[in-house]
């Protein structure tokens, strides 16, 4: 009888653990400096209502992972000696969904104001990191770049590994690809040449150097995806509305417990 009770208890624990895993989400990410170099052993925390829920550090590859996160909205905070604190706001977690939060940190400057916290609203990456190799270029990197703010080629080659400028500086080579094989997209629209977008108007930029999705089949060298600030915030508002509708539908579908 004791053996049967023990077996039943173990089964109950396994089942409850499985249900908890299936109803939770995951946050993964990579932390880099302003030049794109991965930062190791950086403290990272997940906050909700300004309270730390979980904490960890980046590993030897500059990566971090949080598992079994209860669905909801969180902030992700990274702090490191010599760098300004970064806070990624409003990361929504849904059941069985992995959110990729890539963080770029910039060196701290001497300030009479004390610790400076740089806040950014979370935007889902344009590519799935499981299948594609993408380097995000943040607003901070663009604003602090020691190049012209309209020089897209210089901005990209400064922080993205395996990318070089052409001799005339008007295009890029990704992993030794031929000129003209890199695709450029601004707010979802393809451009035939390097786009002329003011640096102050860029909300986010990603450079895809490997694993080009099938829908971009003609871009064999790589991809540069630019999202302008106005478009970025509009997409964030739309995503928030979609998430709100999903949560509302899930609540309505839950059976009432008497």
C-alpha atoms as a PDB file:
ATOM      1  CA  UNK A   1       0.000   0.000   0.000  1.00  0.00           C
ATOM      2  CA  UNK A   2       2.829   2.355   0.865  1.00  0.00           C
ATOM      3  CA  UNK A   3       4.467   1.631  -2.486  1.00  0.00           C
ATOM      4  CA  UNK A   4       1.225   2.413  -4.326  1.00  0.00           C
ATOM      5  CA  UNK A   5       0.828   5.717  -2.477  1.00  0.00           C
ATOM      6  CA  UNK A   6       4.422   6.673  -3.264  1.00  0.00           C
ATOM      7  CA  UNK A   7       3.912   5.837  -6.950  1.00  0.00           C
ATOM      8  CA  UNK A   8       0.708   7.894  -7.109  1.00  0.00           C
ATOM      9  CA  UNK A   9       2.474  10.855  -5.451  1.00  0.00           C
ATOM     10  CA  UNK A  10       5.343  10.662  -7.918  1.00  0.00           C
ATOM     11  CA  UNK A  11       2.946  10.515 -10.876  1.00  0.00           C
ATOM     12  CA  UNK A  12       1.048  13.521  -9.534  1.00  0.00           C
ATOM     13  CA  UNK A  13       4.305  15.491  -9.261  1.00  0.00           C
ATOM     14  CA  UNK A  14       5.349  14.548 -12.807  1.00  0.00           C
ATOM     15  CA  UNK A  15       1.950  15.461 -14.257  1.00  0.00           C
ATOM     16  CA  UNK A  16       1.749  18.767 -12.404  1.00  0.00           C
ATOM     17  CA  UNK A  17       5.291  19.624 -13.498  1.00  0.00           C
ATOM     18  CA  UNK A  18       4.429  18.800 -17.098  1.00  0.00           C
ATOM     19  CA  UNK A  19       1.288  20.956 -16.972  1.00  0.00           C
ATOM     20  CA  UNK A  20       3.268  23.855 -15.461  1.00  0.00           C
ATOM     21  CA  UNK A  21       5.885  23.602 -18.222  1.00  0.00           C
ATOM     22  CA  UNK A  22       3.230  23.561 -20.928  1.00  0.00           C
ATOM     23  CA  UNK A  23       1.458  26.628 -19.534  1.00  0.00           C
ATOM     24  CA  UNK A  24       4.605  28.727 -19.119  1.00  0.00           C
ATOM     25  CA  UNK A  25       6.939  30.627 -21.419  1.00  0.00           C
ATOM     26  CA  UNK A  26      10.672  31.113 -21.944  1.00  0.00           C
ATOM     27  CA  UNK A  27      12.913  34.156 -22.339  1.00  0.00           C
ATOM     28  CA  UNK A  28      16.236  33.754 -24.136  1.00  0.00           C
ATOM     29  CA  UNK A  29      18.717  36.355 -25.241  1.00  0.00           C
ATOM     30  CA  UNK A  30      22.245  37.546 -25.867  1.00  0.00           C
ATOM     31  CA  UNK A  31      23.974  40.602 -24.419  1.00  0.00           C
ATOM     32  CA  UNK A  32      26.581  42.479 -26.457  1.00  0.00           C
ATOM     33  CA  UNK A  33      28.511  45.737 -26.193  1.00  0.00           C
ATOM     34  CA  UNK A  34      28.296  48.683 -28.595  1.00  0.00           C
ATOM     35  CA  UNK A  35      30.675  46.916 -31.016  1.00  0.00           C
ATOM     36  CA  UNK A  36      28.708  43.681 -31.065  1.00  0.00           C
ATOM     37  CA  UNK A  37      31.099  41.726 -28.813  1.00  0.00           C
ATOM     38  CA  UNK A  38      29.328  39.325 -26.454  1.00  0.00           C
ATOM     39  CA  UNK A  39      29.441  40.216 -22.763  1.00  0.00           C
ATOM     40  CA  UNK A  40      30.065  37.344 -20.346  1.00  0.00           C
ATOM     41  CA  UNK A  41      28.651  36.861 -16.839  1.00  0.00           C
ATOM     42  CA  UNK A  42      26.378  39.895 -16.972  1.00  0.00           C
ATOM     43  CA  UNK A  43      23.667  39.905 -14.258  1.00  0.00           C
ATOM     44  CA  UNK A  44      20.201  39.759 -15.830  1.00  0.00           C
ATOM     45  CA  UNK A  45      16.864  39.981 -14.035  1.00  0.00           C
ATOM     46  CA  UNK A  46      13.195  39.642 -14.908  1.00  0.00           C
ATOM     47  CA  UNK A  47      10.965  42.190 -13.194  1.00  0.00           C
ATOM     48  CA  UNK A  48       7.240  42.526 -12.788  1.00  0.00           C
ATOM     49  CA  UNK A  49       5.758  45.631 -11.157  1.00  0.00           C
ATOM     50  CA  UNK A  50       9.349  46.733 -10.398  1.00  0.00           C
ATOM     51  CA  UNK A  51       9.999  43.557  -8.360  1.00  0.00           C
ATOM     52  CA  UNK A  52      12.658  40.999  -9.303  1.00  0.00           C
ATOM     53  CA  UNK A  53      11.006  37.684 -10.209  1.00  0.00           C
ATOM     54  CA  UNK A  54      14.028  35.758 -11.530  1.00  0.00           C
ATOM     55  CA  UNK A  55      17.729  36.490 -11.910  1.00  0.00           C
ATOM     56  CA  UNK A  56      20.657  34.899 -13.716  1.00  0.00           C
ATOM     57  CA  UNK A  57      23.914  35.692 -15.550  1.00  0.00           C
ATOM     58  CA  UNK A  58      25.005  35.403 -19.154  1.00  0.00           C
ATOM     59  CA  UNK A  59      27.158  32.354 -19.860  1.00  0.00           C
ATOM     60  CA  UNK A  60      30.511  32.059 -21.641  1.00  0.00           C
ATOM     61  CA  UNK A  61      28.708  32.787 -24.926  1.00  0.00           C
ATOM     62  CA  UNK A  62      27.008  35.934 -23.636  1.00  0.00           C
ATOM     63  CA  UNK A  63      23.625  34.152 -23.595  1.00  0.00           C
ATOM     64  CA  UNK A  64      20.957  33.798 -20.912  1.00  0.00           C
ATOM     65  CA  UNK A  65      17.790  31.727 -20.494  1.00  0.00           C
ATOM     66  CA  UNK A  66      14.806  31.922 -18.160  1.00  0.00           C
ATOM     67  CA  UNK A  67      12.384  28.976 -18.170  1.00  0.00           C
ATOM     68  CA  UNK A  68       8.894  28.286 -16.806  1.00  0.00           C
ATOM     69  CA  UNK A  69       7.810  31.918 -16.691  1.00  0.00           C
ATOM     70  CA  UNK A  70       4.171  32.479 -15.837  1.00  0.00           C
ATOM     71  CA  UNK A  71       2.305  34.194 -18.712  1.00  0.00           C
ATOM     72  CA  UNK A  72       2.182  37.945 -18.247  1.00  0.00           C
ATOM     73  CA  UNK A  73       4.137  41.112 -19.016  1.00  0.00           C
ATOM     74  CA  UNK A  74       7.665  41.597 -17.693  1.00  0.00           C
ATOM     75  CA  UNK A  75      10.707  43.854 -17.941  1.00  0.00           C
ATOM     76  CA  UNK A  76      14.229  42.507 -18.507  1.00  0.00           C
ATOM     77  CA  UNK A  77      17.064  44.364 -16.781  1.00  0.00           C
ATOM     78  CA  UNK A  78      20.814  44.013 -17.275  1.00  0.00           C
ATOM     79  CA  UNK A  79      23.506  45.678 -15.171  1.00  0.00           C
ATOM     80  CA  UNK A  80      27.270  45.442 -15.559  1.00  0.00           C
ATOM     81  CA  UNK A  81      30.262  47.333 -14.205  1.00  0.00           C
ATOM     82  CA  UNK A  82      31.394  49.983 -16.676  1.00  0.00           C
ATOM     83  CA  UNK A  83      28.125  49.961 -18.622  1.00  0.00           C
ATOM     84  CA  UNK A  84      24.867  51.833 -18.341  1.00  0.00           C
ATOM     85  CA  UNK A  85      21.961  49.791 -17.022  1.00  0.00           C
ATOM     86  CA  UNK A  86      19.562  48.576 -19.712  1.00  0.00           C
ATOM     87  CA  UNK A  87      15.847  47.970 -19.168  1.00  0.00           C
ATOM     88  CA  UNK A  88      13.776  46.277 -21.874  1.00  0.00           C
ATOM     89  CA  UNK A  89      10.132  47.064 -21.205  1.00  0.00           C
ATOM     90  CA  UNK A  90       6.911  45.124 -21.757  1.00  0.00           C
ATOM     91  CA  UNK A  91       8.069  41.662 -22.772  1.00  0.00           C
ATOM     92  CA  UNK A  92       4.843  39.679 -23.079  1.00  0.00           C
ATOM     93  CA  UNK A  93       5.000  35.973 -22.221  1.00  0.00           C
ATOM     94  CA  UNK A  94       2.469  33.492 -23.612  1.00  0.00           C
ATOM     95  CA  UNK A  95       2.183  29.723 -22.944  1.00  0.00           C
ATOM     96  CA  UNK A  96       4.632  27.576 -24.957  1.00  0.00           C
ATOM     97  CA  UNK A  97       6.206  30.693 -26.480  1.00  0.00           C
ATOM     98  CA  UNK A  98       9.883  31.661 -26.455  1.00  0.00           C
ATOM     99  CA  UNK A  99      10.702  35.367 -26.498  1.00  0.00           C
ATOM    100  CA  UNK A 100      14.160  36.391 -27.720  1.00  0.00           C
ATOM    101  CA  UNK A 101      15.417  39.502 -25.943  1.00  0.00           C
ATOM    102  CA  UNK A 102      18.770  40.645 -27.330  1.00  0.00           C
ATOM    103  CA  UNK A 103      20.366  43.479 -25.377  1.00  0.00           C
ATOM    104  CA  UNK A 104      23.045  45.948 -26.439  1.00  0.00           C
ATOM    105  CA  UNK A 105      24.847  47.745 -23.613  1.00  0.00           C
ATOM    106  CA  UNK A 106      26.882  50.929 -23.939  1.00  0.00           C
ATOM    107  CA  UNK A 107      29.782  52.143 -21.751  1.00  0.00           C
ATOM    108  CA  UNK A 108      28.757  54.354 -18.880  1.00  0.00           C
ATOM    109  CA  UNK A 109      29.840  57.984 -18.817  1.00  0.00           C
ATOM    110  CA  UNK A 110      30.728  59.950 -15.717  1.00  0.00           C
ATOM    111  CA  UNK A 111      27.573  61.666 -14.514  1.00  0.00           C
ATOM    112  CA  UNK A 112      26.477  63.739 -11.543  1.00  0.00           C
ATOM    113  CA  UNK A 113      23.079  62.068 -11.834  1.00  0.00           C
ATOM    114  CA  UNK A 114      24.325  58.683 -10.614  1.00  0.00           C
ATOM    115  CA  UNK A 115      23.226  55.451 -12.288  1.00  0.00           C
ATOM    116  CA  UNK A 116      21.698  55.974 -15.728  1.00  0.00           C
ATOM    117  CA  UNK A 117      19.027  53.514 -16.842  1.00  0.00           C
ATOM    118  CA  UNK A 118      18.358  53.274 -20.557  1.00  0.00           C
ATOM    119  CA  UNK A 119      14.842  52.061 -21.308  1.00  0.00           C
ATOM    120  CA  UNK A 120      13.678  50.459 -24.549  1.00  0.00           C
ATOM    121  CA  UNK A 121      10.348  48.939 -25.442  1.00  0.00           C
ATOM    122  CA  UNK A 122      10.557  45.289 -26.482  1.00  0.00           C
ATOM    123  CA  UNK A 123      10.068  44.511 -30.160  1.00  0.00           C
ATOM    124  CA  UNK A 124      10.005  40.908 -31.383  1.00  0.00           C
ATOM    125  CA  UNK A 125      13.109  40.183 -33.544  1.00  0.00           C
ATOM    126  CA  UNK A 126      12.443  40.031 -37.277  1.00  0.00           C
ATOM    127  CA  UNK A 127      14.034  36.551 -37.485  1.00  0.00           C
ATOM    128  CA  UNK A 128      13.889  33.396 -35.382  1.00  0.00           C
ATOM    129  CA  UNK A 129      17.362  33.025 -33.798  1.00  0.00           C
ATOM    130  CA  UNK A 130      16.952  29.241 -33.828  1.00  0.00           C
ATOM    131  CA  UNK A 131      17.282  29.196 -37.614  1.00  0.00           C
ATOM    132  CA  UNK A 132      18.934  32.484 -38.570  1.00  0.00           C
ATOM    133  CA  UNK A 133      22.093  34.346 -37.554  1.00  0.00           C
ATOM    134  CA  UNK A 134      21.127  37.961 -36.980  1.00  0.00           C
ATOM    135  CA  UNK A 135      22.946  40.885 -35.372  1.00  0.00           C
ATOM    136  CA  UNK A 136      20.682  43.570 -33.883  1.00  0.00           C
ATOM    137  CA  UNK A 137      21.857  47.184 -33.973  1.00  0.00           C
ATOM    138  CA  UNK A 138      20.188  49.260 -31.282  1.00  0.00           C
ATOM    139  CA  UNK A 139      19.278  52.926 -31.105  1.00  0.00           C
ATOM    140  CA  UNK A 140      22.069  53.410 -28.550  1.00  0.00           C
ATOM    141  CA  UNK A 141      24.684  51.993 -30.925  1.00  0.00           C
ATOM    142  CA  UNK A 142      23.467  54.219 -33.745  1.00  0.00           C
ATOM    143  CA  UNK A 143      23.463  57.368 -31.617  1.00  0.00           C
ATOM    144  CA  UNK A 144      26.944  56.685 -30.222  1.00  0.00           C
ATOM    145  CA  UNK A 145      28.503  55.531 -33.494  1.00  0.00           C
ATOM    146  CA  UNK A 146      31.672  57.370 -34.514  1.00  0.00           C
ATOM    147  CA  UNK A 147      30.411  57.583 -38.094  1.00  0.00           C
ATOM    148  CA  UNK A 148      27.904  59.687 -39.964  1.00  0.00           C
ATOM    149  CA  UNK A 149      24.380  58.951 -38.765  1.00  0.00           C
ATOM    150  CA  UNK A 150      23.202  58.525 -42.360  1.00  0.00           C
ATOM    151  CA  UNK A 151      26.051  56.169 -43.309  1.00  0.00           C
ATOM    152  CA  UNK A 152      24.200  52.855 -43.112  1.00  0.00           C
ATOM    153  CA  UNK A 153      27.138  50.888 -44.543  1.00  0.00           C
ATOM    154  CA  UNK A 154      29.556  52.222 -41.894  1.00  0.00           C
ATOM    155  CA  UNK A 155      27.046  51.574 -39.095  1.00  0.00           C
ATOM    156  CA  UNK A 156      26.601  47.960 -40.192  1.00  0.00           C
ATOM    157  CA  UNK A 157      30.264  47.111 -40.754  1.00  0.00           C
ATOM    158  CA  UNK A 158      31.274  48.705 -37.461  1.00  0.00           C
ATOM    159  CA  UNK A 159      29.278  46.283 -35.260  1.00  0.00           C
ATOM    160  CA  UNK A 160      28.489  43.238 -37.411  1.00  0.00           C
ATOM    161  CA  UNK A 161      30.985  40.340 -37.659  1.00  0.00           C
ATOM    162  CA  UNK A 162      31.859  38.954 -41.126  1.00  0.00           C
ATOM    163  CA  UNK A 163      30.610  42.075 -42.918  1.00  0.00           C
ATOM    164  CA  UNK A 164      32.887  44.353 -44.977  1.00  0.00           C
ATOM    165  CA  UNK A 165      32.212  47.485 -47.065  1.00  0.00           C
ATOM    166  CA  UNK A 166      32.704  47.528 -50.817  1.00  0.00           C
ATOM    167  CA  UNK A 167      35.604  49.583 -52.152  1.00  0.00           C
ATOM    168  CA  UNK A 168      33.355  52.560 -52.895  1.00  0.00           C
ATOM    169  CA  UNK A 169      31.599  52.287 -49.503  1.00  0.00           C
ATOM    170  CA  UNK A 170      28.151  52.094 -51.105  1.00  0.00           C
ATOM    171  CA  UNK A 171      27.333  48.456 -50.325  1.00  0.00           C
ATOM    172  CA  UNK A 172      28.442  45.548 -48.128  1.00  0.00           C
ATOM    173  CA  UNK A 173      29.880  42.072 -48.500  1.00  0.00           C
ATOM    174  CA  UNK A 174      28.431  39.488 -46.092  1.00  0.00           C
ATOM    175  CA  UNK A 175      30.644  36.441 -45.504  1.00  0.00           C
ATOM    176  CA  UNK A 176      32.441  37.019 -48.808  1.00  0.00           C
ATOM    177  CA  UNK A 177      29.262  37.150 -50.909  1.00  0.00           C
ATOM    178  CA  UNK A 178      29.124  38.943 -54.242  1.00  0.00           C
ATOM    179  CA  UNK A 179      28.026  42.552 -54.487  1.00  0.00           C
ATOM    180  CA  UNK A 180      24.308  42.941 -55.091  1.00  0.00           C
ATOM    181  CA  UNK A 181      23.322  39.744 -53.245  1.00  0.00           C
ATOM    182  CA  UNK A 182      22.378  41.577 -50.021  1.00  0.00           C
ATOM    183  CA  UNK A 183      18.750  42.611 -49.638  1.00  0.00           C
ATOM    184  CA  UNK A 184      17.608  45.792 -47.877  1.00  0.00           C
ATOM    185  CA  UNK A 185      14.149  46.232 -46.368  1.00  0.00           C
ATOM    186  CA  UNK A 186      12.746  49.364 -44.747  1.00  0.00           C
ATOM    187  CA  UNK A 187       9.484  48.905 -42.824  1.00  0.00           C
ATOM    188  CA  UNK A 188       8.821  45.725 -44.798  1.00  0.00           C
ATOM    189  CA  UNK A 189       9.481  47.256 -48.224  1.00  0.00           C
ATOM    190  CA  UNK A 190      12.436  46.129 -50.318  1.00  0.00           C
ATOM    191  CA  UNK A 191      14.810  48.734 -51.695  1.00  0.00           C
ATOM    192  CA  UNK A 192      17.124  48.185 -54.661  1.00  0.00           C
ATOM    193  CA  UNK A 193      20.077  50.006 -53.082  1.00  0.00           C
ATOM    194  CA  UNK A 194      21.343  50.868 -49.608  1.00  0.00           C
ATOM    195  CA  UNK A 195      18.490  52.943 -48.134  1.00  0.00           C
ATOM    196  CA  UNK A 196      19.019  56.597 -47.314  1.00  0.00           C
ATOM    197  CA  UNK A 197      17.444  56.645 -43.849  1.00  0.00           C
ATOM    198  CA  UNK A 198      18.464  59.304 -41.286  1.00  0.00           C
ATOM    199  CA  UNK A 199      20.079  57.700 -38.244  1.00  0.00           C
ATOM    200  CA  UNK A 200      17.731  59.570 -35.901  1.00  0.00           C
ATOM    201  CA  UNK A 201      14.776  58.022 -37.749  1.00  0.00           C
ATOM    202  CA  UNK A 202      15.889  54.405 -37.226  1.00  0.00           C
ATOM    203  CA  UNK A 203      14.033  52.559 -34.482  1.00  0.00           C
ATOM    204  CA  UNK A 204      15.726  49.182 -34.957  1.00  0.00           C
ATOM    205  CA  UNK A 205      18.041  47.434 -37.396  1.00  0.00           C
ATOM    206  CA  UNK A 206      18.990  43.781 -37.858  1.00  0.00           C
ATOM    207  CA  UNK A 207      21.638  42.295 -40.129  1.00  0.00           C
ATOM    208  CA  UNK A 208      21.044  38.692 -41.175  1.00  0.00           C
ATOM    209  CA  UNK A 209      24.305  36.944 -42.060  1.00  0.00           C
ATOM    210  CA  UNK A 210      23.104  33.345 -42.167  1.00  0.00           C
ATOM    211  CA  UNK A 211      19.958  31.243 -42.499  1.00  0.00           C
ATOM    212  CA  UNK A 212      18.049  33.486 -44.920  1.00  0.00           C
ATOM    213  CA  UNK A 213      14.323  32.549 -44.779  1.00  0.00           C
ATOM    214  CA  UNK A 214      12.768  31.122 -47.938  1.00  0.00           C
ATOM    215  CA  UNK A 215      10.617  34.214 -48.528  1.00  0.00           C
ATOM    216  CA  UNK A 216      13.836  36.179 -49.126  1.00  0.00           C
ATOM    217  CA  UNK A 217      15.252  33.597 -51.530  1.00  0.00           C
ATOM    218  CA  UNK A 218      16.731  36.129 -53.950  1.00  0.00           C
ATOM    219  CA  UNK A 219      18.884  37.643 -51.199  1.00  0.00           C
ATOM    220  CA  UNK A 220      21.581  34.974 -51.142  1.00  0.00           C
ATOM    221  CA  UNK A 221      24.230  37.128 -49.474  1.00  0.00           C
ATOM    222  CA  UNK A 222      22.238  38.334 -46.487  1.00  0.00           C
ATOM    223  CA  UNK A 223      19.613  40.795 -45.319  1.00  0.00           C
ATOM    224  CA  UNK A 224      19.453  44.192 -43.672  1.00  0.00           C
ATOM    225  CA  UNK A 225      16.111  44.944 -42.019  1.00  0.00           C
ATOM    226  CA  UNK A 226      15.489  48.537 -40.949  1.00  0.00           C
ATOM    227  CA  UNK A 227      12.475  49.605 -38.932  1.00  0.00           C
ATOM    228  CA  UNK A 228      11.868  53.325 -38.590  1.00  0.00           C
ATOM    229  CA  UNK A 229      10.807  54.737 -35.234  1.00  0.00           C
ATOM    230  CA  UNK A 230       7.295  55.676 -36.335  1.00  0.00           C
ATOM    231  CA  UNK A 231       6.667  52.223 -37.845  1.00  0.00           C
ATOM    232  CA  UNK A 232       8.226  50.483 -34.822  1.00  0.00           C
ATOM    233  CA  UNK A 233       5.896  52.085 -32.294  1.00  0.00           C
ATOM    234  CA  UNK A 234       2.867  51.469 -34.504  1.00  0.00           C
ATOM    235  CA  UNK A 235       3.749  47.742 -34.694  1.00  0.00           C
ATOM    236  CA  UNK A 236       4.218  47.660 -30.915  1.00  0.00           C
ATOM    237  CA  UNK A 237       0.756  49.137 -30.410  1.00  0.00           C
ATOM    238  CA  UNK A 238      -0.756  46.575 -32.800  1.00  0.00           C
ATOM    239  CA  UNK A 239       1.055  43.697 -31.044  1.00  0.00           C
ATOM    240  CA  UNK A 240      -0.191  44.892 -27.658  1.00  0.00           C
ATOM    241  CA  UNK A 241      -3.760  44.923 -28.988  1.00  0.00           C
ATOM    242  CA  UNK A 242      -3.321  41.370 -30.366  1.00  0.00           C
ATOM    243  CA  UNK A 243      -1.888  40.111 -27.042  1.00  0.00           C
ATOM    244  CA  UNK A 244      -4.748  41.747 -25.127  1.00  0.00           C
ATOM    245  CA  UNK A 245      -7.310  40.001 -27.358  1.00  0.00           C
ATOM    246  CA  UNK A 246      -5.555  36.643 -26.900  1.00  0.00           C
ATOM    247  CA  UNK A 247      -5.495  37.005 -23.116  1.00  0.00           C
ATOM    248  CA  UNK A 248      -9.168  38.025 -23.105  1.00  0.00           C
ATOM    249  CA  UNK A 249     -10.094  34.997 -25.231  1.00  0.00           C
ATOM    250  CA  UNK A 250      -8.108  32.640 -22.975  1.00  0.00           C
ATOM    251  CA  UNK A 251      -9.875  33.982 -19.888  1.00  0.00           C
ATOM    252  CA  UNK A 252     -13.290  33.443 -21.503  1.00  0.00           C
ATOM    253  CA  UNK A 253     -12.374  29.876 -22.471  1.00  0.00           C
ATOM    254  CA  UNK A 254     -11.335  28.860 -18.947  1.00  0.00           C
ATOM    255  CA  UNK A 255     -14.035  26.714 -17.249  1.00  0.00           C
ATOM    256  CA  UNK A 256     -15.547  28.114 -14.093  1.00  0.00           C
ATOM    257  CA  UNK A 257     -14.518  26.262 -10.934  1.00  0.00           C
ATOM    258  CA  UNK A 258     -17.329  25.840  -8.455  1.00  0.00           C
END
